[in-house]
Amino acid sequence: MNKLSEKINVNFKTIDYVATCMGTVVLGLYLEKEENRAKANSLTLFSPLYTFDYSFLNPPITSNFLYNKKQIIESGNQFRLGNAVEGKSTYEEIKRFSKNFLENIKNLNIETLCL
């Protein structure tokens, strides 16, 4: 946001954020820091990912792709899909974020709409 402000030479007084699906994760991580929340005016989340419990962190054995991905990462190797590389640090970050996401959203003192 700072780079955008510099690039177009506009100082935003407030910012209304809109995110969808995985973008809600990125926005949640971004707004976790106090300095990033300072100008936040509102938050609109379309299909937010509130948890990763049954898709990545704890996939059912019947979900072959996700289950195999988790096994690869837990064995200490990296999982590659196209240009994306995930490893233990990715898994730990998602675990931390999943645990704190709802608390972070609840603690934002801005208007929030979840669809």
PDB file of N, CA and C in Angstrom:
ATOM      1  N   MET A   1       0.827  -1.189   0.000  1.00  0.00           N
ATOM      2  CA  MET A   1       0.000   0.000   0.000  1.00  0.00           C
ATOM      3  C   MET A   1       0.869   1.250   0.000  1.00  0.00           C
ATOM      4  N   ASN A   2       1.999   1.187   0.693  1.00  0.00           N
ATOM      5  CA  ASN A   2       2.910   2.336   0.702  1.00  0.00           C
ATOM      6  C   ASN A   2       3.472   2.594  -0.688  1.00  0.00           C
ATOM      7  N   LYS A   3       3.832   1.527  -1.387  1.00  0.00           N
ATOM      8  CA  LYS A   3       4.385   1.677  -2.742  1.00  0.00           C
ATOM      9  C   LYS A   3       3.346   2.265  -3.684  1.00  0.00           C
ATOM     10  N   LEU A   4       2.109   1.796  -3.585  1.00  0.00           N
ATOM     11  CA  LEU A   4       1.046   2.326  -4.434  1.00  0.00           C
ATOM     12  C   LEU A   4       0.856   3.821  -4.161  1.00  0.00           C
ATOM     13  N   SER A   5       0.815   4.179  -2.896  1.00  0.00           N
ATOM     14  CA  SER A   5       0.667   5.584  -2.521  1.00  0.00           C
ATOM     15  C   SER A   5       1.797   6.437  -3.094  1.00  0.00           C
ATOM     16  N   GLU A   6       3.021   5.928  -3.013  1.00  0.00           N
ATOM     17  CA  GLU A   6       4.176   6.645  -3.566  1.00  0.00           C
ATOM     18  C   GLU A   6       4.094   6.738  -5.085  1.00  0.00           C
ATOM     19  N   LYS A   7       3.735   5.646  -5.715  1.00  0.00           N
ATOM     20  CA  LYS A   7       3.722   5.568  -7.183  1.00  0.00           C
ATOM     21  C   LYS A   7       2.720   6.546  -7.802  1.00  0.00           C
ATOM     22  N   ILE A   8       1.526   6.643  -7.208  1.00  0.00           N
ATOM     23  CA  ILE A   8       0.508   7.524  -7.787  1.00  0.00           C
ATOM     24  C   ILE A   8       0.457   8.883  -7.086  1.00  0.00           C
ATOM     25  N   ASN A   9       1.349   9.065  -6.106  1.00  0.00           N
ATOM     26  CA  ASN A   9       1.480  10.337  -5.393  1.00  0.00           C
ATOM     27  C   ASN A   9       0.169  10.772  -4.736  1.00  0.00           C
ATOM     28  N   VAL A  10      -0.471   9.820  -4.046  1.00  0.00           N
ATOM     29  CA  VAL A  10      -1.706  10.097  -3.308  1.00  0.00           C
ATOM     30  C   VAL A  10      -1.555   9.531  -1.906  1.00  0.00           C
ATOM     31  N   ASN A  11      -1.896  10.344  -0.928  1.00  0.00           N
ATOM     32  CA  ASN A  11      -1.867   9.879   0.454  1.00  0.00           C
ATOM     33  C   ASN A  11      -3.281   9.468   0.846  1.00  0.00           C
ATOM     34  N   PHE A  12      -3.501   8.177   0.966  1.00  0.00           N
ATOM     35  CA  PHE A  12      -4.829   7.671   1.316  1.00  0.00           C
ATOM     36  C   PHE A  12      -5.154   8.002   2.762  1.00  0.00           C
ATOM     37  N   LYS A  13      -6.321   8.600   2.987  1.00  0.00           N
ATOM     38  CA  LYS A  13      -6.754   8.877   4.358  1.00  0.00           C
ATOM     39  C   LYS A  13      -7.310   7.605   4.983  1.00  0.00           C
ATOM     40  N   THR A  14      -8.100   6.871   4.218  1.00  0.00           N
ATOM     41  CA  THR A  14      -8.627   5.584   4.666  1.00  0.00           C
ATOM     42  C   THR A  14      -8.618   4.620   3.483  1.00  0.00           C
ATOM     43  N   ILE A  15      -8.696   3.332   3.805  1.00  0.00           N
ATOM     44  CA  ILE A  15      -8.696   2.297   2.769  1.00  0.00           C
ATOM     45  C   ILE A  15      -9.812   1.308   3.073  1.00  0.00           C
ATOM     46  N   ASP A  16     -10.618   0.991   2.068  1.00  0.00           N
ATOM     47  CA  ASP A  16     -11.641  -0.038   2.166  1.00  0.00           C
ATOM     48  C   ASP A  16     -11.111  -1.275   1.450  1.00  0.00           C
ATOM     49  N   TYR A  17     -10.924  -2.356   2.187  1.00  0.00           N
ATOM     50  CA  TYR A  17     -10.346  -3.572   1.629  1.00  0.00           C
ATOM     51  C   TYR A  17     -11.438  -4.546   1.196  1.00  0.00           C
ATOM     52  N   VAL A  18     -11.211  -5.202   0.050  1.00  0.00           N
ATOM     53  CA  VAL A  18     -12.098  -6.242  -0.451  1.00  0.00           C
ATOM     54  C   VAL A  18     -11.213  -7.431  -0.813  1.00  0.00           C
ATOM     55  N   ALA A  19     -11.601  -8.618  -0.363  1.00  0.00           N
ATOM     56  CA  ALA A  19     -10.808  -9.815  -0.663  1.00  0.00           C
ATOM     57  C   ALA A  19     -11.740 -10.999  -0.885  1.00  0.00           C
ATOM     58  N   THR A  20     -11.240 -11.982  -1.598  1.00  0.00           N
ATOM     59  CA  THR A  20     -12.008 -13.194  -1.838  1.00  0.00           C
ATOM     60  C   THR A  20     -11.135 -14.420  -1.657  1.00  0.00           C
ATOM     61  N   CYS A  21     -11.724 -15.482  -1.154  1.00  0.00           N
ATOM     62  CA  CYS A  21     -11.100 -16.800  -0.997  1.00  0.00           C
ATOM     63  C   CYS A  21      -9.704 -16.698  -0.380  1.00  0.00           C
ATOM     64  N   MET A  22      -8.676 -17.072  -1.109  1.00  0.00           N
ATOM     65  CA  MET A  22      -7.310 -17.047  -0.582  1.00  0.00           C
ATOM     66  C   MET A  22      -6.825 -15.619  -0.336  1.00  0.00           C
ATOM     67  N   GLY A  23      -7.419 -14.653  -1.027  1.00  0.00           N
ATOM     68  CA  GLY A  23      -7.074 -13.257  -0.785  1.00  0.00           C
ATOM     69  C   GLY A  23      -7.428 -12.816   0.628  1.00  0.00           C
ATOM     70  N   THR A  24      -8.441 -13.462   1.228  1.00  0.00           N
ATOM     71  CA  THR A  24      -8.780 -13.138   2.611  1.00  0.00           C
ATOM     72  C   THR A  24      -7.647 -13.546   3.549  1.00  0.00           C
ATOM     73  N   VAL A  25      -6.952 -14.606   3.184  1.00  0.00           N
ATOM     74  CA  VAL A  25      -5.809 -15.056   3.969  1.00  0.00           C
ATOM     75  C   VAL A  25      -4.693 -14.021   3.909  1.00  0.00           C
ATOM     76  N   VAL A  26      -4.390 -13.573   2.705  1.00  0.00           N
ATOM     77  CA  VAL A  26      -3.345 -12.558   2.518  1.00  0.00           C
ATOM     78  C   VAL A  26      -3.720 -11.289   3.268  1.00  0.00           C
ATOM     79  N   LEU A  27      -4.963 -10.856   3.128  1.00  0.00           N
ATOM     80  CA  LEU A  27      -5.412  -9.643   3.801  1.00  0.00           C
ATOM     81  C   LEU A  27      -5.383  -9.812   5.319  1.00  0.00           C
ATOM     82  N   GLY A  28      -5.779 -10.975   5.792  1.00  0.00           N
ATOM     83  CA  GLY A  28      -5.729 -11.248   7.231  1.00  0.00           C
ATOM     84  C   GLY A  28      -4.319 -11.163   7.777  1.00  0.00           C
ATOM     85  N   LEU A  29      -3.365 -11.685   7.025  1.00  0.00           N
ATOM     86  CA  LEU A  29      -1.962 -11.600   7.444  1.00  0.00           C
ATOM     87  C   LEU A  29      -1.467 -10.159   7.392  1.00  0.00           C
ATOM     88  N   TYR A  30      -1.880  -9.434   6.370  1.00  0.00           N
ATOM     89  CA  TYR A  30      -1.461  -8.040   6.216  1.00  0.00           C
ATOM     90  C   TYR A  30      -2.001  -7.178   7.358  1.00  0.00           C
ATOM     91  N   LEU A  31      -3.272  -7.360   7.692  1.00  0.00           N
ATOM     92  CA  LEU A  31      -3.904  -6.535   8.720  1.00  0.00           C
ATOM     93  C   LEU A  31      -3.565  -6.976  10.136  1.00  0.00           C
ATOM     94  N   GLU A  32      -2.813  -8.025  10.261  1.00  0.00           N
ATOM     95  CA  GLU A  32      -2.396  -8.492  11.580  1.00  0.00           C
ATOM     96  C   GLU A  32      -1.483  -7.461  12.255  1.00  0.00           C
ATOM     97  N   LYS A  33      -0.736  -6.716  11.458  1.00  0.00           N
ATOM     98  CA  LYS A  33       0.188  -5.716  11.990  1.00  0.00           C
ATOM     99  C   LYS A  33      -0.533  -4.390  12.196  1.00  0.00           C
ATOM    100  N   GLU A  34      -0.309  -3.802  13.356  1.00  0.00           N
ATOM    101  CA  GLU A  34      -0.970  -2.547  13.733  1.00  0.00           C
ATOM    102  C   GLU A  34      -0.762  -1.446  12.698  1.00  0.00           C
ATOM    103  N   GLU A  35       0.462  -1.308  12.191  1.00  0.00           N
ATOM    104  CA  GLU A  35       0.731  -0.224  11.232  1.00  0.00           C
ATOM    105  C   GLU A  35      -0.049  -0.393   9.934  1.00  0.00           C
ATOM    106  N   ASN A  36      -0.420  -1.627   9.585  1.00  0.00           N
ATOM    107  CA  ASN A  36      -1.215  -1.859   8.375  1.00  0.00           C
ATOM    108  C   ASN A  36      -2.704  -1.621   8.616  1.00  0.00           C
ATOM    109  N   ARG A  37      -3.129  -1.682   9.869  1.00  0.00           N
ATOM    110  CA  ARG A  37      -4.540  -1.448  10.198  1.00  0.00           C
ATOM    111  C   ARG A  37      -4.860   0.036  10.356  1.00  0.00           C
ATOM    112  N   ALA A  38      -3.858   0.869  10.492  1.00  0.00           N
ATOM    113  CA  ALA A  38      -4.065   2.275  10.834  1.00  0.00           C
ATOM    114  C   ALA A  38      -5.048   3.000   9.915  1.00  0.00           C
ATOM    115  N   LYS A  39      -4.984   2.745   8.619  1.00  0.00           N
ATOM    116  CA  LYS A  39      -5.854   3.441   7.673  1.00  0.00           C
ATOM    117  C   LYS A  39      -7.050   2.595   7.227  1.00  0.00           C
ATOM    118  N   ALA A  40      -7.162   1.390   7.742  1.00  0.00           N
ATOM    119  CA  ALA A  40      -8.253   0.500   7.333  1.00  0.00           C
ATOM    120  C   ALA A  40      -9.589   1.071   7.778  1.00  0.00           C
ATOM    121  N   ASN A  41     -10.500   1.227   6.827  1.00  0.00           N
ATOM    122  CA  ASN A  41     -11.820   1.774   7.105  1.00  0.00           C
ATOM    123  C   ASN A  41     -12.881   0.679   7.145  1.00  0.00           C
ATOM    124  N   SER A  42     -12.801  -0.248   6.219  1.00  0.00           N
ATOM    125  CA  SER A  42     -13.766  -1.346   6.187  1.00  0.00           C
ATOM    126  C   SER A  42     -13.134  -2.567   5.526  1.00  0.00           C
ATOM    127  N   LEU A  43     -13.778  -3.699   5.741  1.00  0.00           N
ATOM    128  CA  LEU A  43     -13.278  -4.973   5.242  1.00  0.00           C
ATOM    129  C   LEU A  43     -14.450  -5.769   4.699  1.00  0.00           C
ATOM    130  N   THR A  44     -14.375  -6.172   3.428  1.00  0.00           N
ATOM    131  CA  THR A  44     -15.402  -7.017   2.819  1.00  0.00           C
ATOM    132  C   THR A  44     -14.729  -8.298   2.349  1.00  0.00           C
ATOM    133  N   LEU A  45     -15.213  -9.429   2.859  1.00  0.00           N
ATOM    134  CA  LEU A  45     -14.623 -10.735   2.534  1.00  0.00           C
ATOM    135  C   LEU A  45     -15.652 -11.592   1.804  1.00  0.00           C
ATOM    136  N   PHE A  46     -15.322 -11.988   0.584  1.00  0.00           N
ATOM    137  CA  PHE A  46     -16.163 -12.903  -0.183  1.00  0.00           C
ATOM    138  C   PHE A  46     -15.593 -14.306  -0.047  1.00  0.00           C
ATOM    139  N   SER A  47     -16.395 -15.257   0.367  1.00  0.00           N
ATOM    140  CA  SER A  47     -15.971 -16.652   0.553  1.00  0.00           C
ATOM    141  C   SER A  47     -14.662 -16.746   1.335  1.00  0.00           C
ATOM    142  N   PRO A  48     -14.629 -16.155   2.530  1.00  0.00           N
ATOM    143  CA  PRO A  48     -13.376 -16.175   3.290  1.00  0.00           C
ATOM    144  C   PRO A  48     -13.016 -17.577   3.764  1.00  0.00           C
ATOM    145  N   LEU A  49     -11.730 -17.846   3.814  1.00  0.00           N
ATOM    146  CA  LEU A  49     -11.244 -19.109   4.353  1.00  0.00           C
ATOM    147  C   LEU A  49     -11.007 -18.909   5.843  1.00  0.00           C
ATOM    148  N   TYR A  50     -11.946 -19.363   6.659  1.00  0.00           N
ATOM    149  CA  TYR A  50     -11.808 -19.190   8.099  1.00  0.00           C
ATOM    150  C   TYR A  50     -10.871 -20.211   8.723  1.00  0.00           C
ATOM    151  N   THR A  51     -10.745 -21.341   8.083  1.00  0.00           N
ATOM    152  CA  THR A  51      -9.927 -22.398   8.667  1.00  0.00           C
ATOM    153  C   THR A  51      -9.342 -23.279   7.573  1.00  0.00           C
ATOM    154  N   PHE A  52      -8.245 -23.884   7.873  1.00  0.00           N
ATOM    155  CA  PHE A  52      -7.626 -24.840   6.956  1.00  0.00           C
ATOM    156  C   PHE A  52      -7.693 -26.255   7.533  1.00  0.00           C
ATOM    157  N   ASP A  53      -8.434 -26.411   8.624  1.00  0.00           N
ATOM    158  CA  ASP A  53      -8.425 -27.671   9.363  1.00  0.00           C
ATOM    159  C   ASP A  53      -8.702 -28.904   8.518  1.00  0.00           C
ATOM    160  N   TYR A  54      -9.661 -28.833   7.601  1.00  0.00           N
ATOM    161  CA  TYR A  54     -10.027 -30.032   6.853  1.00  0.00           C
ATOM    162  C   TYR A  54      -9.581 -29.996   5.403  1.00  0.00           C
ATOM    163  N   SER A  55      -8.742 -29.040   5.070  1.00  0.00           N
ATOM    164  CA  SER A  55      -8.271 -28.997   3.695  1.00  0.00           C
ATOM    165  C   SER A  55      -6.765 -29.134   3.587  1.00  0.00           C
ATOM    166  N   PHE A  56      -6.042 -28.649   4.556  1.00  0.00           N
ATOM    167  CA  PHE A  56      -4.584 -28.673   4.447  1.00  0.00           C
ATOM    168  C   PHE A  56      -3.946 -29.201   5.723  1.00  0.00           C
ATOM    169  N   LEU A  57      -4.375 -28.684   6.862  1.00  0.00           N
ATOM    170  CA  LEU A  57      -3.751 -29.068   8.124  1.00  0.00           C
ATOM    171  C   LEU A  57      -4.132 -30.471   8.570  1.00  0.00           C
ATOM    172  N   ASN A  58      -5.349 -30.873   8.282  1.00  0.00           N
ATOM    173  CA  ASN A  58      -5.815 -32.182   8.732  1.00  0.00           C
ATOM    174  C   ASN A  58      -6.713 -32.819   7.667  1.00  0.00           C
ATOM    175  N   PRO A  59      -6.169 -33.089   6.483  1.00  0.00           N
ATOM    176  CA  PRO A  59      -7.010 -33.636   5.406  1.00  0.00           C
ATOM    177  C   PRO A  59      -7.405 -35.085   5.694  1.00  0.00           C
ATOM    178  N   PRO A  60      -8.628 -35.463   5.315  1.00  0.00           N
ATOM    179  CA  PRO A  60      -9.015 -36.861   5.478  1.00  0.00           C
ATOM    180  C   PRO A  60      -8.191 -37.748   4.554  1.00  0.00           C
ATOM    181  N   ILE A  61      -7.965 -38.983   4.959  1.00  0.00           N
ATOM    182  CA  ILE A  61      -7.152 -39.919   4.174  1.00  0.00           C
ATOM    183  C   ILE A  61      -7.766 -40.150   2.789  1.00  0.00           C
ATOM    184  N   THR A  62      -9.076 -39.921   2.672  1.00  0.00           N
ATOM    185  CA  THR A  62      -9.748 -40.112   1.383  1.00  0.00           C
ATOM    186  C   THR A  62      -9.470 -38.974   0.409  1.00  0.00           C
ATOM    187  N   SER A  63      -8.899 -37.892   0.901  1.00  0.00           N
ATOM    188  CA  SER A  63      -8.551 -36.768   0.040  1.00  0.00           C
ATOM    189  C   SER A  63      -7.103 -36.954  -0.411  1.00  0.00           C
ATOM    190  N   ASN A  64      -6.901 -37.763  -1.431  1.00  0.00           N
ATOM    191  CA  ASN A  64      -5.568 -38.197  -1.841  1.00  0.00           C
ATOM    192  C   ASN A  64      -4.578 -37.066  -2.055  1.00  0.00           C
ATOM    193  N   PHE A  65      -4.965 -36.061  -2.821  1.00  0.00           N
ATOM    194  CA  PHE A  65      -4.035 -34.986  -3.149  1.00  0.00           C
ATOM    195  C   PHE A  65      -3.553 -34.264  -1.889  1.00  0.00           C
ATOM    196  N   LEU A  66      -4.512 -33.807  -1.063  1.00  0.00           N
ATOM    197  CA  LEU A  66      -4.140 -33.069   0.150  1.00  0.00           C
ATOM    198  C   LEU A  66      -3.438 -33.953   1.165  1.00  0.00           C
ATOM    199  N   TYR A  67      -3.896 -35.198   1.286  1.00  0.00           N
ATOM    200  CA  TYR A  67      -3.272 -36.110   2.250  1.00  0.00           C
ATOM    201  C   TYR A  67      -1.821 -36.387   1.850  1.00  0.00           C
ATOM    202  N   ASN A  68      -1.578 -36.655   0.570  1.00  0.00           N
ATOM    203  CA  ASN A  68      -0.211 -36.907   0.092  1.00  0.00           C
ATOM    204  C   ASN A  68       0.665 -35.671   0.259  1.00  0.00           C
ATOM    205  N   LYS A  69       0.093 -34.505  -0.004  1.00  0.00           N
ATOM    206  CA  LYS A  69       0.819 -33.247   0.156  1.00  0.00           C
ATOM    207  C   LYS A  69       1.271 -33.090   1.609  1.00  0.00           C
ATOM    208  N   LYS A  70       0.373 -33.348   2.540  1.00  0.00           N
ATOM    209  CA  LYS A  70       0.711 -33.232   3.957  1.00  0.00           C
ATOM    210  C   LYS A  70       1.801 -34.238   4.326  1.00  0.00           C
ATOM    211  N   GLN A  71       1.702 -35.461   3.826  1.00  0.00           N
ATOM    212  CA  GLN A  71       2.702 -36.498   4.127  1.00  0.00           C
ATOM    213  C   GLN A  71       4.090 -36.082   3.621  1.00  0.00           C
ATOM    214  N   ILE A  72       4.141 -35.527   2.434  1.00  0.00           N
ATOM    215  CA  ILE A  72       5.413 -35.079   1.853  1.00  0.00           C
ATOM    216  C   ILE A  72       6.039 -34.002   2.726  1.00  0.00           C
ATOM    217  N   ILE A  73       5.225 -33.029   3.133  1.00  0.00           N
ATOM    218  CA  ILE A  73       5.731 -31.925   3.953  1.00  0.00           C
ATOM    219  C   ILE A  73       6.153 -32.419   5.332  1.00  0.00           C
ATOM    220  N   GLU A  74       5.360 -33.304   5.933  1.00  0.00           N
ATOM    221  CA  GLU A  74       5.703 -33.825   7.260  1.00  0.00           C
ATOM    222  C   GLU A  74       6.977 -34.669   7.237  1.00  0.00           C
ATOM    223  N   SER A  75       7.304 -35.235   6.087  1.00  0.00           N
ATOM    224  CA  SER A  75       8.528 -36.036   5.992  1.00  0.00           C
ATOM    225  C   SER A  75       9.770 -35.154   5.840  1.00  0.00           C
ATOM    226  N   GLY A  76       9.558 -33.827   5.774  1.00  0.00           N
ATOM    227  CA  GLY A  76      10.683 -32.902   5.681  1.00  0.00           C
ATOM    228  C   GLY A  76      11.014 -32.475   4.270  1.00  0.00           C
ATOM    229  N   ASN A  77      10.265 -32.958   3.292  1.00  0.00           N
ATOM    230  CA  ASN A  77      10.501 -32.585   1.901  1.00  0.00           C
ATOM    231  C   ASN A  77       9.630 -31.403   1.506  1.00  0.00           C
ATOM    232  N   GLN A  78       9.886 -30.892   0.327  1.00  0.00           N
ATOM    233  CA  GLN A  78       9.080 -29.793  -0.196  1.00  0.00           C
ATOM    234  C   GLN A  78       8.078 -30.330  -1.193  1.00  0.00           C
ATOM    235  N   PHE A  79       6.925 -29.689  -1.224  1.00  0.00           N
ATOM    236  CA  PHE A  79       5.887 -30.044  -2.174  1.00  0.00           C
ATOM    237  C   PHE A  79       5.878 -29.001  -3.266  1.00  0.00           C
ATOM    238  N   ARG A  80       5.941 -29.439  -4.517  1.00  0.00           N
ATOM    239  CA  ARG A  80       5.939 -28.504  -5.653  1.00  0.00           C
ATOM    240  C   ARG A  80       4.689 -28.717  -6.493  1.00  0.00           C
ATOM    241  N   LEU A  81       4.061 -27.596  -6.835  1.00  0.00           N
ATOM    242  CA  LEU A  81       2.930 -27.617  -7.755  1.00  0.00           C
ATOM    243  C   LEU A  81       3.095 -26.403  -8.648  1.00  0.00           C
ATOM    244  N   GLY A  82       3.543 -26.622  -9.868  1.00  0.00           N
ATOM    245  CA  GLY A  82       3.863 -25.509 -10.746  1.00  0.00           C
ATOM    246  C   GLY A  82       5.029 -24.735 -10.153  1.00  0.00           C
ATOM    247  N   ASN A  83       4.858 -23.440  -9.994  1.00  0.00           N
ATOM    248  CA  ASN A  83       5.903 -22.600  -9.412  1.00  0.00           C
ATOM    249  C   ASN A  83       5.822 -22.517  -7.893  1.00  0.00           C
ATOM    250  N   ALA A  84       4.739 -23.024  -7.328  1.00  0.00           N
ATOM    251  CA  ALA A  84       4.568 -22.952  -5.872  1.00  0.00           C
ATOM    252  C   ALA A  84       5.410 -24.029  -5.190  1.00  0.00           C
ATOM    253  N   VAL A  85       6.089 -23.642  -4.142  1.00  0.00           N
ATOM    254  CA  VAL A  85       6.870 -24.576  -3.339  1.00  0.00           C
ATOM    255  C   VAL A  85       6.418 -24.422  -1.895  1.00  0.00           C
ATOM    256  N   GLU A  86       5.989 -25.516  -1.299  1.00  0.00           N
ATOM    257  CA  GLU A  86       5.555 -25.487   0.092  1.00  0.00           C
ATOM    258  C   GLU A  86       6.395 -26.466   0.886  1.00  0.00           C
ATOM    259  N   GLY A  87       6.698 -26.073   2.083  1.00  0.00           N
ATOM    260  CA  GLY A  87       7.472 -26.924   2.968  1.00  0.00           C
ATOM    261  C   GLY A  87       7.011 -26.744   4.395  1.00  0.00           C
ATOM    262  N   LYS A  88       7.840 -27.175   5.319  1.00  0.00           N
ATOM    263  CA  LYS A  88       7.485 -27.128   6.738  1.00  0.00           C
ATOM    264  C   LYS A  88       7.150 -25.710   7.198  1.00  0.00           C
ATOM    265  N   SER A  89       7.899 -24.721   6.734  1.00  0.00           N
ATOM    266  CA  SER A  89       7.627 -23.348   7.177  1.00  0.00           C
ATOM    267  C   SER A  89       6.249 -22.878   6.688  1.00  0.00           C
ATOM    268  N   THR A  90       5.863 -23.277   5.472  1.00  0.00           N
ATOM    269  CA  THR A  90       4.536 -22.926   4.953  1.00  0.00           C
ATOM    270  C   THR A  90       3.463 -23.552   5.818  1.00  0.00           C
ATOM    271  N   TYR A  91       3.644 -24.818   6.141  1.00  0.00           N
ATOM    272  CA  TYR A  91       2.689 -25.557   6.974  1.00  0.00           C
ATOM    273  C   TYR A  91       2.553 -24.898   8.344  1.00  0.00           C
ATOM    274  N   GLU A  92       3.676 -24.546   8.955  1.00  0.00           N
ATOM    275  CA  GLU A  92       3.656 -23.922  10.285  1.00  0.00           C
ATOM    276  C   GLU A  92       2.998 -22.551  10.239  1.00  0.00           C
ATOM    277  N   GLU A  93       3.262 -21.785   9.186  1.00  0.00           N
ATOM    278  CA  GLU A  93       2.651 -20.465   9.049  1.00  0.00           C
ATOM    279  C   GLU A  93       1.141 -20.587   8.896  1.00  0.00           C
ATOM    280  N   ILE A  94       0.678 -21.538   8.111  1.00  0.00           N
ATOM    281  CA  ILE A  94      -0.762 -21.731   7.932  1.00  0.00           C
ATOM    282  C   ILE A  94      -1.395 -22.195   9.236  1.00  0.00           C
ATOM    283  N   LYS A  95      -0.708 -23.044   9.963  1.00  0.00           N
ATOM    284  CA  LYS A  95      -1.207 -23.517  11.258  1.00  0.00           C
ATOM    285  C   LYS A  95      -1.364 -22.332  12.222  1.00  0.00           C
ATOM    286  N   ARG A  96      -0.356 -21.480  12.283  1.00  0.00           N
ATOM    287  CA  ARG A  96      -0.404 -20.307  13.156  1.00  0.00           C
ATOM    288  C   ARG A  96      -1.529 -19.371  12.730  1.00  0.00           C
ATOM    289  N   PHE A  97      -1.606 -19.123  11.438  1.00  0.00           N
ATOM    290  CA  PHE A  97      -2.614 -18.206  10.935  1.00  0.00           C
ATOM    291  C   PHE A  97      -4.018 -18.749  11.171  1.00  0.00           C
ATOM    292  N   SER A  98      -4.224 -20.031  10.890  1.00  0.00           N
ATOM    293  CA  SER A  98      -5.532 -20.652  11.065  1.00  0.00           C
ATOM    294  C   SER A  98      -5.994 -20.535  12.514  1.00  0.00           C
ATOM    295  N   LYS A  99      -5.058 -20.664  13.425  1.00  0.00           N
ATOM    296  CA  LYS A  99      -5.382 -20.583  14.854  1.00  0.00           C
ATOM    297  C   LYS A  99      -5.800 -19.181  15.257  1.00  0.00           C
ATOM    298  N   ASN A 100      -5.200 -18.161  14.657  1.00  0.00           N
ATOM    299  CA  ASN A 100      -5.418 -16.786  15.082  1.00  0.00           C
ATOM    300  C   ASN A 100      -6.339 -15.962  14.183  1.00  0.00           C
ATOM    301  N   PHE A 101      -6.710 -16.491  13.018  1.00  0.00           N
ATOM    302  CA  PHE A 101      -7.430 -15.687  12.034  1.00  0.00           C
ATOM    303  C   PHE A 101      -8.735 -15.097  12.576  1.00  0.00           C
ATOM    304  N   LEU A 102      -9.595 -15.935  13.153  1.00  0.00           N
ATOM    305  CA  LEU A 102     -10.874 -15.434  13.641  1.00  0.00           C
ATOM    306  C   LEU A 102     -10.693 -14.422  14.764  1.00  0.00           C
ATOM    307  N   GLU A 103      -9.730 -14.665  15.643  1.00  0.00           N
ATOM    308  CA  GLU A 103      -9.458 -13.695  16.716  1.00  0.00           C
ATOM    309  C   GLU A 103      -8.997 -12.361  16.131  1.00  0.00           C
ATOM    310  N   ASN A 104      -8.137 -12.411  15.115  1.00  0.00           N
ATOM    311  CA  ASN A 104      -7.658 -11.184  14.481  1.00  0.00           C
ATOM    312  C   ASN A 104      -8.806 -10.407  13.847  1.00  0.00           C
ATOM    313  N   ILE A 105      -9.688 -11.121  13.155  1.00  0.00           N
ATOM    314  CA  ILE A 105     -10.817 -10.468  12.496  1.00  0.00           C
ATOM    315  C   ILE A 105     -11.746  -9.850  13.546  1.00  0.00           C
ATOM    316  N   LYS A 106     -12.007 -10.588  14.632  1.00  0.00           N
ATOM    317  CA  LYS A 106     -12.881 -10.074  15.689  1.00  0.00           C
ATOM    318  C   LYS A 106     -12.298  -8.828  16.345  1.00  0.00           C
ATOM    319  N   ASN A 107     -10.987  -8.756  16.429  1.00  0.00           N
ATOM    320  CA  ASN A 107     -10.332  -7.637  17.097  1.00  0.00           C
ATOM    321  C   ASN A 107     -10.139  -6.412  16.219  1.00  0.00           C
ATOM    322  N   LEU A 108     -10.456  -6.526  14.937  1.00  0.00           N
ATOM    323  CA  LEU A 108     -10.374  -5.348  14.069  1.00  0.00           C
ATOM    324  C   LEU A 108     -11.517  -4.412  14.435  1.00  0.00           C
ATOM    325  N   ASN A 109     -11.201  -3.186  14.677  1.00  0.00           N
ATOM    326  CA  ASN A 109     -12.216  -2.215  15.067  1.00  0.00           C
ATOM    327  C   ASN A 109     -12.684  -1.448  13.837  1.00  0.00           C
ATOM    328  N   ILE A 110     -13.086  -2.201  12.803  1.00  0.00           N
ATOM    329  CA  ILE A 110     -13.588  -1.598  11.564  1.00  0.00           C
ATOM    330  C   ILE A 110     -14.820  -2.375  11.117  1.00  0.00           C
ATOM    331  N   GLU A 111     -15.603  -1.759  10.259  1.00  0.00           N
ATOM    332  CA  GLU A 111     -16.768  -2.459   9.717  1.00  0.00           C
ATOM    333  C   GLU A 111     -16.297  -3.635   8.886  1.00  0.00           C
ATOM    334  N   THR A 112     -16.891  -4.811   9.125  1.00  0.00           N
ATOM    335  CA  THR A 112     -16.493  -6.023   8.414  1.00  0.00           C
ATOM    336  C   THR A 112     -17.741  -6.725   7.903  1.00  0.00           C
ATOM    337  N   LEU A 113     -17.720  -7.063   6.625  1.00  0.00           N
ATOM    338  CA  LEU A 113     -18.818  -7.795   5.999  1.00  0.00           C
ATOM    339  C   LEU A 113     -18.249  -9.086   5.425  1.00  0.00           C
ATOM    340  N   CYS A 114     -18.826 -10.207   5.838  1.00  0.00           N
ATOM    341  CA  CYS A 114     -18.389 -11.514   5.298  1.00  0.00           C
ATOM    342  C   CYS A 114     -19.542 -12.109   4.492  1.00  0.00           C
ATOM    343  N   LEU A 115     -19.249 -12.435   3.253  1.00  0.00           N
ATOM    344  CA  LEU A 115     -20.252 -13.042   2.360  1.00  0.00           C
ATOM    345  C   LEU A 115     -19.802 -14.428   1.961  1.00  0.00           C
TER     346      LEU A 115
END
